[in-house]
N, C-alpha and C. Protein backbone atom coordinates (compact mmCIF):
# COMPACT_ATOMS: atom_id res chain seq x y z
N MET A 1 0.84 -1.18 0.00
CA MET A 1 0.00 0.00 0.00
C MET A 1 0.88 1.24 0.00
N GLN A 2 0.54 2.19 -0.80
CA GLN A 2 1.32 3.42 -0.88
C GLN A 2 0.83 4.42 0.15
N PHE A 3 1.70 5.32 0.51
CA PHE A 3 1.37 6.34 1.50
C PHE A 3 0.45 7.40 0.90
N PHE A 4 0.70 7.81 -0.32
CA PHE A 4 -0.07 8.89 -0.94
C PHE A 4 -0.94 8.35 -2.05
N GLY A 5 -2.04 7.74 -1.76
CA GLY A 5 -2.98 7.36 -2.79
C GLY A 5 -3.05 5.86 -3.00
N GLY A 6 -3.62 5.47 -4.14
CA GLY A 6 -3.86 4.08 -4.46
C GLY A 6 -2.61 3.34 -4.87
N SER A 7 -2.80 2.11 -5.32
CA SER A 7 -1.66 1.27 -5.65
C SER A 7 -1.12 1.53 -7.06
N ASP A 8 -1.87 2.20 -7.89
CA ASP A 8 -1.40 2.50 -9.24
C ASP A 8 -1.02 3.97 -9.34
N ILE A 9 -0.10 4.24 -10.22
CA ILE A 9 0.28 5.62 -10.47
C ILE A 9 -0.80 6.26 -11.30
N SER A 10 -1.19 7.44 -10.90
CA SER A 10 -2.25 8.16 -11.59
C SER A 10 -1.89 8.37 -13.05
N PRO A 11 -2.83 8.08 -13.99
CA PRO A 11 -2.54 8.29 -15.40
C PRO A 11 -2.39 9.76 -15.74
N SER A 12 -2.96 10.63 -14.95
CA SER A 12 -2.82 12.06 -15.21
C SER A 12 -2.19 12.73 -13.98
N PRO A 13 -0.87 12.86 -14.00
CA PRO A 13 -0.20 13.45 -12.85
C PRO A 13 -0.59 14.90 -12.66
N PRO A 14 -0.47 15.40 -11.43
CA PRO A 14 -0.81 16.80 -11.18
C PRO A 14 0.11 17.73 -11.95
N VAL A 15 -0.43 18.84 -12.36
CA VAL A 15 0.35 19.84 -13.09
C VAL A 15 0.61 21.00 -12.13
N ALA A 16 1.81 21.49 -12.12
CA ALA A 16 2.17 22.60 -11.25
C ALA A 16 1.42 23.86 -11.65
N THR A 17 1.08 24.65 -10.63
CA THR A 17 0.43 25.93 -10.91
C THR A 17 1.50 26.98 -11.12
N GLY A 18 1.15 28.05 -11.76
CA GLY A 18 2.10 29.13 -12.00
C GLY A 18 2.83 28.92 -13.31
N SER A 19 3.62 29.91 -13.66
CA SER A 19 4.33 29.82 -14.93
C SER A 19 5.82 29.67 -14.70
N GLY A 20 6.51 29.15 -15.67
CA GLY A 20 7.95 29.04 -15.60
C GLY A 20 8.44 28.06 -14.55
N SER A 21 7.79 26.92 -14.41
CA SER A 21 8.15 25.98 -13.35
C SER A 21 9.15 24.94 -13.81
N ASN A 22 10.19 25.36 -14.46
CA ASN A 22 11.22 24.42 -14.92
C ASN A 22 11.98 23.87 -13.73
N GLY A 23 12.13 22.54 -13.70
CA GLY A 23 12.90 21.92 -12.64
C GLY A 23 14.38 22.12 -12.87
N HIS A 24 15.08 22.54 -11.85
CA HIS A 24 16.53 22.72 -11.94
C HIS A 24 17.26 21.47 -11.45
N MET A 25 16.87 20.98 -10.26
CA MET A 25 17.52 19.79 -9.71
C MET A 25 16.62 19.15 -8.66
N MET A 26 16.92 17.89 -8.36
CA MET A 26 16.15 17.15 -7.38
C MET A 26 17.08 16.27 -6.57
N TYR A 27 16.78 16.17 -5.28
CA TYR A 27 17.51 15.31 -4.36
C TYR A 27 16.53 14.35 -3.71
N VAL A 28 16.97 13.12 -3.44
CA VAL A 28 16.22 12.18 -2.61
C VAL A 28 17.19 11.68 -1.55
N PHE A 29 16.85 11.94 -0.28
CA PHE A 29 17.66 11.50 0.84
C PHE A 29 16.89 10.47 1.65
N ASN A 30 17.63 9.54 2.27
CA ASN A 30 16.97 8.66 3.23
C ASN A 30 17.03 9.31 4.60
N ARG A 31 16.50 8.65 5.62
CA ARG A 31 16.43 9.26 6.95
C ARG A 31 17.79 9.48 7.58
N ASN A 32 18.82 8.80 7.08
CA ASN A 32 20.17 8.93 7.63
C ASN A 32 20.99 10.00 6.92
N GLY A 33 20.40 10.69 5.97
CA GLY A 33 21.10 11.76 5.27
C GLY A 33 21.91 11.29 4.07
N ILE A 34 21.71 10.05 3.65
CA ILE A 34 22.41 9.53 2.48
C ILE A 34 21.62 9.93 1.23
N CYS A 35 22.31 10.55 0.29
CA CYS A 35 21.67 10.96 -0.95
C CYS A 35 21.49 9.73 -1.85
N LEU A 36 20.24 9.32 -2.03
CA LEU A 36 19.93 8.16 -2.85
C LEU A 36 19.85 8.51 -4.33
N LEU A 37 19.51 9.77 -4.61
CA LEU A 37 19.35 10.20 -6.00
C LEU A 37 19.60 11.68 -6.10
N TYR A 38 20.35 12.07 -7.10
CA TYR A 38 20.52 13.47 -7.45
C TYR A 38 20.35 13.58 -8.94
N ARG A 39 19.44 14.44 -9.37
CA ARG A 39 19.21 14.67 -10.80
C ARG A 39 19.26 16.17 -11.02
N GLU A 40 19.88 16.57 -12.11
CA GLU A 40 19.83 17.98 -12.46
C GLU A 40 19.44 18.12 -13.92
N TRP A 41 18.62 19.14 -14.16
CA TRP A 41 18.12 19.40 -15.51
C TRP A 41 18.56 20.76 -16.01
N ASN A 42 18.71 21.70 -15.09
CA ASN A 42 19.02 23.06 -15.50
C ASN A 42 19.84 23.73 -14.40
N ARG A 43 21.11 23.43 -14.33
CA ARG A 43 21.99 24.01 -13.31
C ARG A 43 23.22 24.57 -14.02
N PRO A 44 23.19 25.85 -14.34
CA PRO A 44 24.27 26.43 -15.13
C PRO A 44 25.61 26.57 -14.39
N LEU A 45 25.57 26.71 -13.06
CA LEU A 45 26.80 26.96 -12.33
C LEU A 45 26.98 25.91 -11.23
N ARG A 46 28.13 25.27 -11.21
CA ARG A 46 28.43 24.27 -10.18
C ARG A 46 29.70 24.72 -9.47
N THR A 47 29.57 25.02 -8.16
CA THR A 47 30.71 25.53 -7.40
C THR A 47 31.23 24.57 -6.35
N LEU A 48 30.47 23.52 -6.03
CA LEU A 48 30.85 22.56 -5.00
C LEU A 48 30.99 21.17 -5.59
N SER A 49 31.73 20.31 -4.90
CA SER A 49 31.74 18.90 -5.29
C SER A 49 30.38 18.32 -4.96
N SER A 50 30.02 17.20 -5.58
CA SER A 50 28.70 16.62 -5.33
C SER A 50 28.54 16.22 -3.87
N GLN A 51 29.59 15.71 -3.25
CA GLN A 51 29.51 15.31 -1.84
C GLN A 51 29.25 16.53 -0.94
N GLN A 52 29.95 17.63 -1.20
CA GLN A 52 29.74 18.86 -0.43
C GLN A 52 28.32 19.40 -0.66
N ASP A 53 27.87 19.35 -1.90
CA ASP A 53 26.54 19.82 -2.25
C ASP A 53 25.47 19.03 -1.49
N HIS A 54 25.60 17.71 -1.46
CA HIS A 54 24.62 16.87 -0.77
C HIS A 54 24.62 17.14 0.73
N LYS A 55 25.81 17.28 1.32
CA LYS A 55 25.89 17.57 2.76
C LYS A 55 25.27 18.93 3.07
N LEU A 56 25.54 19.91 2.23
CA LEU A 56 24.99 21.24 2.43
C LEU A 56 23.46 21.22 2.35
N MET A 57 22.91 20.52 1.37
CA MET A 57 21.46 20.46 1.22
C MET A 57 20.82 19.73 2.40
N PHE A 58 21.39 18.60 2.82
CA PHE A 58 20.81 17.88 3.95
C PHE A 58 20.92 18.72 5.22
N GLY A 59 22.03 19.42 5.39
CA GLY A 59 22.19 20.29 6.55
C GLY A 59 21.17 21.42 6.56
N LEU A 60 20.90 21.99 5.38
CA LEU A 60 19.89 23.02 5.27
C LEU A 60 18.53 22.48 5.70
N LEU A 61 18.17 21.30 5.22
CA LEU A 61 16.88 20.70 5.59
C LEU A 61 16.81 20.42 7.09
N PHE A 62 17.89 19.88 7.64
CA PHE A 62 17.94 19.58 9.07
C PHE A 62 17.74 20.87 9.87
N SER A 63 18.43 21.93 9.49
CA SER A 63 18.33 23.20 10.20
C SER A 63 16.94 23.81 10.08
N LEU A 64 16.36 23.78 8.88
CA LEU A 64 15.03 24.35 8.69
C LEU A 64 13.97 23.58 9.47
N LYS A 65 14.08 22.26 9.47
CA LYS A 65 13.13 21.45 10.25
C LYS A 65 13.24 21.75 11.73
N SER A 66 14.46 21.85 12.23
CA SER A 66 14.69 22.16 13.63
C SER A 66 14.18 23.56 13.97
N PHE A 67 14.46 24.52 13.11
CA PHE A 67 14.03 25.89 13.33
C PHE A 67 12.51 26.02 13.33
N THR A 68 11.84 25.40 12.36
CA THR A 68 10.38 25.51 12.29
C THR A 68 9.73 24.83 13.49
N ALA A 69 10.31 23.73 13.97
CA ALA A 69 9.76 23.06 15.16
C ALA A 69 9.93 23.95 16.39
N LYS A 70 11.06 24.63 16.48
CA LYS A 70 11.32 25.51 17.61
C LYS A 70 10.41 26.74 17.59
N MET A 71 10.08 27.23 16.42
CA MET A 71 9.25 28.43 16.28
C MET A 71 7.75 28.12 16.26
N ASP A 72 7.35 26.86 16.31
CA ASP A 72 5.94 26.45 16.23
C ASP A 72 5.13 27.12 17.34
N PRO A 73 4.17 27.98 16.98
CA PRO A 73 3.39 28.68 18.01
C PRO A 73 2.34 27.80 18.68
N THR A 74 2.08 26.61 18.15
CA THR A 74 1.03 25.75 18.71
C THR A 74 1.57 24.70 19.66
N SER A 75 2.89 24.56 19.76
CA SER A 75 3.48 23.51 20.58
C SER A 75 4.08 24.09 21.86
N VAL A 76 3.72 23.47 23.00
CA VAL A 76 4.29 23.89 24.27
C VAL A 76 5.70 23.33 24.43
N ASP A 77 5.88 22.05 24.04
CA ASP A 77 7.19 21.41 24.15
C ASP A 77 8.00 21.72 22.89
N LYS A 78 8.89 22.67 23.00
CA LYS A 78 9.68 23.11 21.85
C LYS A 78 10.90 22.25 21.61
N GLY A 79 11.39 21.54 22.62
CA GLY A 79 12.61 20.76 22.44
C GLY A 79 13.80 21.68 22.29
N ASN A 80 14.94 21.10 22.01
CA ASN A 80 16.16 21.88 21.84
C ASN A 80 16.45 22.11 20.37
N LEU A 81 16.93 23.29 20.07
CA LEU A 81 17.29 23.61 18.70
C LEU A 81 18.44 22.70 18.27
N GLY A 82 18.31 22.06 17.13
CA GLY A 82 19.35 21.17 16.63
C GLY A 82 19.10 19.70 16.92
N VAL A 83 18.07 19.39 17.71
CA VAL A 83 17.75 17.99 17.99
C VAL A 83 16.92 17.45 16.84
N PRO A 84 17.27 16.29 16.27
CA PRO A 84 16.53 15.76 15.13
C PRO A 84 15.05 15.54 15.43
N GLN A 85 14.22 15.86 14.47
CA GLN A 85 12.79 15.64 14.56
C GLN A 85 12.44 14.36 13.80
N LEU A 86 11.52 13.59 14.34
CA LEU A 86 11.04 12.41 13.63
C LEU A 86 10.11 12.86 12.51
N PRO A 87 9.99 12.04 11.45
CA PRO A 87 9.06 12.42 10.37
C PRO A 87 7.66 12.64 10.92
N GLY A 88 7.05 13.76 10.54
CA GLY A 88 5.71 14.09 10.99
C GLY A 88 5.65 14.74 12.36
N GLN A 89 6.78 14.91 13.00
CA GLN A 89 6.82 15.49 14.33
C GLN A 89 7.04 17.00 14.24
N GLY A 90 6.31 17.75 15.03
CA GLY A 90 6.50 19.20 15.08
C GLY A 90 5.97 19.90 13.84
N CYS A 91 6.24 21.18 13.77
CA CYS A 91 5.85 22.02 12.65
C CYS A 91 6.77 21.72 11.47
N SER A 92 6.25 21.77 10.27
CA SER A 92 7.11 21.49 9.11
C SER A 92 6.94 22.58 8.06
N PHE A 93 7.87 22.61 7.15
CA PHE A 93 7.78 23.57 6.05
C PHE A 93 7.63 22.80 4.75
N HIS A 94 7.09 23.46 3.74
CA HIS A 94 6.86 22.83 2.44
C HIS A 94 7.74 23.43 1.36
N SER A 95 8.07 24.72 1.50
CA SER A 95 8.89 25.35 0.47
C SER A 95 9.41 26.69 0.97
N PHE A 96 10.41 27.18 0.27
CA PHE A 96 10.83 28.56 0.43
C PHE A 96 11.31 29.06 -0.91
N ARG A 97 11.34 30.38 -1.05
CA ARG A 97 11.64 31.00 -2.33
C ARG A 97 12.70 32.07 -2.14
N THR A 98 13.62 32.16 -3.09
CA THR A 98 14.57 33.26 -3.15
C THR A 98 14.31 33.98 -4.47
N ASN A 99 15.16 34.95 -4.80
CA ASN A 99 14.96 35.64 -6.08
C ASN A 99 15.40 34.79 -7.28
N THR A 100 16.15 33.70 -7.05
CA THR A 100 16.64 32.89 -8.16
C THR A 100 16.10 31.46 -8.20
N PHE A 101 15.52 30.96 -7.12
CA PHE A 101 14.98 29.60 -7.14
C PHE A 101 13.92 29.42 -6.06
N LYS A 102 13.17 28.33 -6.20
CA LYS A 102 12.22 27.90 -5.17
C LYS A 102 12.57 26.48 -4.80
N LEU A 103 12.66 26.19 -3.50
CA LEU A 103 12.93 24.85 -3.02
C LEU A 103 11.65 24.30 -2.42
N SER A 104 11.19 23.16 -2.94
CA SER A 104 9.99 22.49 -2.43
C SER A 104 10.44 21.19 -1.78
N PHE A 105 9.82 20.86 -0.65
CA PHE A 105 10.27 19.75 0.18
C PHE A 105 9.10 18.89 0.63
N MET A 106 9.33 17.59 0.66
CA MET A 106 8.36 16.64 1.20
C MET A 106 9.11 15.54 1.92
N GLU A 107 8.59 15.12 3.07
CA GLU A 107 9.17 14.00 3.80
C GLU A 107 8.09 12.96 4.04
N SER A 108 8.40 11.70 3.71
CA SER A 108 7.45 10.61 3.89
C SER A 108 7.54 10.10 5.33
N PRO A 109 6.57 9.33 5.77
CA PRO A 109 6.63 8.75 7.12
C PRO A 109 7.85 7.84 7.33
N SER A 110 8.38 7.29 6.27
CA SER A 110 9.55 6.42 6.40
C SER A 110 10.86 7.22 6.44
N GLY A 111 10.77 8.55 6.31
CA GLY A 111 11.96 9.39 6.40
C GLY A 111 12.58 9.73 5.06
N ILE A 112 11.98 9.32 3.96
CA ILE A 112 12.48 9.69 2.63
C ILE A 112 12.18 11.17 2.41
N LYS A 113 13.20 11.92 2.03
CA LYS A 113 13.06 13.35 1.80
C LYS A 113 13.26 13.64 0.32
N ILE A 114 12.28 14.31 -0.27
CA ILE A 114 12.36 14.67 -1.69
C ILE A 114 12.41 16.18 -1.77
N ILE A 115 13.43 16.69 -2.45
CA ILE A 115 13.64 18.12 -2.60
C ILE A 115 13.66 18.43 -4.08
N LEU A 116 12.84 19.36 -4.50
CA LEU A 116 12.80 19.78 -5.90
C LEU A 116 13.09 21.27 -5.95
N VAL A 117 14.13 21.65 -6.68
CA VAL A 117 14.52 23.05 -6.84
C VAL A 117 14.06 23.49 -8.23
N THR A 118 13.27 24.56 -8.26
CA THR A 118 12.65 25.01 -9.50
C THR A 118 12.80 26.52 -9.67
N ASN A 119 12.21 27.01 -10.74
CA ASN A 119 12.11 28.43 -11.02
C ASN A 119 11.36 29.10 -9.87
N PRO A 120 11.73 30.33 -9.47
CA PRO A 120 11.06 30.99 -8.34
C PRO A 120 9.59 31.30 -8.56
N LYS A 121 9.13 31.30 -9.81
CA LYS A 121 7.72 31.61 -10.08
C LYS A 121 6.82 30.38 -9.99
N THR A 122 7.40 29.24 -9.66
CA THR A 122 6.64 28.00 -9.56
C THR A 122 5.61 28.09 -8.44
N GLY A 123 4.44 27.52 -8.68
CA GLY A 123 3.39 27.49 -7.67
C GLY A 123 3.62 26.37 -6.67
N ASP A 124 2.56 25.99 -5.97
CA ASP A 124 2.61 24.94 -4.96
C ASP A 124 2.90 23.59 -5.61
N LEU A 125 3.94 22.91 -5.16
CA LEU A 125 4.34 21.63 -5.76
C LEU A 125 4.08 20.43 -4.84
N ARG A 126 3.27 20.58 -3.80
CA ARG A 126 3.03 19.46 -2.88
C ARG A 126 2.45 18.24 -3.58
N GLU A 127 1.48 18.46 -4.46
CA GLU A 127 0.89 17.33 -5.19
C GLU A 127 1.90 16.70 -6.14
N SER A 128 2.74 17.52 -6.75
CA SER A 128 3.77 17.01 -7.64
C SER A 128 4.79 16.17 -6.87
N LEU A 129 5.16 16.61 -5.68
CA LEU A 129 6.10 15.83 -4.86
C LEU A 129 5.48 14.50 -4.42
N LYS A 130 4.19 14.52 -4.14
CA LYS A 130 3.50 13.26 -3.80
C LYS A 130 3.51 12.31 -5.00
N TYR A 131 3.30 12.86 -6.19
CA TYR A 131 3.34 12.04 -7.39
C TYR A 131 4.74 11.46 -7.60
N ILE A 132 5.78 12.27 -7.40
CA ILE A 132 7.16 11.78 -7.53
C ILE A 132 7.43 10.70 -6.48
N TYR A 133 6.91 10.88 -5.27
CA TYR A 133 7.07 9.85 -4.24
C TYR A 133 6.39 8.55 -4.67
N ASN A 134 5.20 8.66 -5.28
CA ASN A 134 4.51 7.46 -5.77
C ASN A 134 5.31 6.77 -6.87
N LEU A 135 5.97 7.57 -7.73
CA LEU A 135 6.86 6.97 -8.74
C LEU A 135 7.99 6.21 -8.05
N TYR A 136 8.55 6.81 -7.01
CA TYR A 136 9.63 6.19 -6.24
C TYR A 136 9.17 4.86 -5.64
N VAL A 137 7.99 4.85 -5.04
CA VAL A 137 7.47 3.61 -4.44
C VAL A 137 7.26 2.55 -5.51
N GLU A 138 6.62 2.96 -6.60
CA GLU A 138 6.26 2.01 -7.65
C GLU A 138 7.47 1.41 -8.36
N TYR A 139 8.46 2.25 -8.69
CA TYR A 139 9.57 1.80 -9.52
C TYR A 139 10.84 1.45 -8.76
N VAL A 140 10.98 1.95 -7.53
CA VAL A 140 12.20 1.69 -6.77
C VAL A 140 11.93 0.74 -5.61
N VAL A 141 11.03 1.13 -4.72
CA VAL A 141 10.78 0.33 -3.52
C VAL A 141 10.25 -1.05 -3.87
N LYS A 142 9.36 -1.13 -4.85
CA LYS A 142 8.77 -2.42 -5.23
C LYS A 142 9.67 -3.24 -6.15
N ASN A 143 10.82 -2.69 -6.53
CA ASN A 143 11.75 -3.39 -7.39
C ASN A 143 12.53 -4.42 -6.56
N PRO A 144 12.41 -5.71 -6.85
CA PRO A 144 13.10 -6.73 -6.05
C PRO A 144 14.62 -6.66 -6.16
N LEU A 145 15.15 -5.96 -7.16
CA LEU A 145 16.60 -5.84 -7.31
C LEU A 145 17.18 -4.66 -6.54
N TYR A 146 16.32 -3.81 -5.98
CA TYR A 146 16.81 -2.63 -5.26
C TYR A 146 17.09 -2.97 -3.80
N SER A 147 18.25 -2.56 -3.33
CA SER A 147 18.61 -2.72 -1.92
C SER A 147 18.40 -1.38 -1.22
N PRO A 148 17.52 -1.33 -0.21
CA PRO A 148 17.27 -0.06 0.49
C PRO A 148 18.56 0.57 1.01
N GLY A 149 18.64 1.89 0.87
CA GLY A 149 19.80 2.62 1.35
C GLY A 149 20.91 2.78 0.34
N THR A 150 20.75 2.17 -0.82
CA THR A 150 21.76 2.29 -1.88
C THR A 150 21.29 3.31 -2.91
N PRO A 151 22.21 3.91 -3.66
CA PRO A 151 21.80 4.87 -4.69
C PRO A 151 20.81 4.24 -5.68
N ILE A 152 19.87 5.07 -6.12
CA ILE A 152 18.83 4.62 -7.04
C ILE A 152 19.39 4.58 -8.45
N LYS A 153 19.34 3.40 -9.07
CA LYS A 153 19.84 3.23 -10.44
C LYS A 153 18.77 2.56 -11.30
N CYS A 154 17.52 2.95 -11.10
CA CYS A 154 16.41 2.36 -11.84
C CYS A 154 16.11 3.24 -13.06
N GLU A 155 16.36 2.70 -14.23
CA GLU A 155 16.20 3.46 -15.46
C GLU A 155 14.74 3.86 -15.70
N LEU A 156 13.79 2.99 -15.35
CA LEU A 156 12.38 3.31 -15.53
C LEU A 156 11.96 4.48 -14.64
N PHE A 157 12.45 4.50 -13.40
CA PHE A 157 12.17 5.62 -12.51
C PHE A 157 12.77 6.90 -13.06
N ASN A 158 14.04 6.86 -13.47
CA ASN A 158 14.71 8.05 -13.99
C ASN A 158 14.01 8.60 -15.24
N THR A 159 13.61 7.72 -16.13
CA THR A 159 12.91 8.13 -17.35
C THR A 159 11.56 8.77 -17.02
N SER A 160 10.80 8.12 -16.13
CA SER A 160 9.49 8.66 -15.73
C SER A 160 9.65 10.00 -15.03
N LEU A 161 10.66 10.11 -14.17
CA LEU A 161 10.92 11.36 -13.46
C LEU A 161 11.30 12.47 -14.43
N ASP A 162 12.21 12.19 -15.34
CA ASP A 162 12.63 13.19 -16.33
C ASP A 162 11.44 13.68 -17.15
N GLN A 163 10.60 12.74 -17.59
CA GLN A 163 9.43 13.10 -18.39
C GLN A 163 8.47 13.97 -17.59
N TYR A 164 8.24 13.61 -16.33
CA TYR A 164 7.31 14.38 -15.50
C TYR A 164 7.83 15.79 -15.23
N VAL A 165 9.10 15.91 -14.85
CA VAL A 165 9.67 17.23 -14.55
C VAL A 165 9.72 18.09 -15.81
N LYS A 166 9.99 17.47 -16.95
CA LYS A 166 9.99 18.21 -18.23
C LYS A 166 8.62 18.81 -18.51
N ASN A 167 7.57 18.10 -18.11
CA ASN A 167 6.22 18.57 -18.37
C ASN A 167 5.69 19.53 -17.31
N LEU A 168 6.49 19.83 -16.30
CA LEU A 168 6.06 20.80 -15.29
C LEU A 168 5.98 22.21 -15.87
N ALA A 169 6.74 22.46 -16.92
CA ALA A 169 6.82 23.83 -17.47
C ALA A 169 5.50 24.26 -18.08
């Protein structure tokens, strides 16, 4: 059973709202901070090694999750800043925007984190991230040849992902 919806992938995936929603790059991390997948479609400037880039992105997510949990106005127990939050625990964020990009984030109950970096004019991508997660479950998790915690090398997943992100525009 999938977390977000039925057992089949929807024949008509959600379309992003807004204009100019070209995907720049995507990360998939497991709960331990290991980057299982990194894809880039439109990244003109690369200043870090891939390992540094992955650590920086996971650190950013860790810090934002910790910060939003600490700032949660509805929770009495704030915990300590910097203490890891369990999936679904505390206040969470879905996206943030700068003048050059928008970062959209989703975390599954199993701790899989999907990050999609797009054009700053992109609308809400929560449904799109759920669809990408369903692709991940269908083509990666259910693949008997895949070992959990290892980098994703499923050509069908990569092809479906590339096609979907290309159609976000």
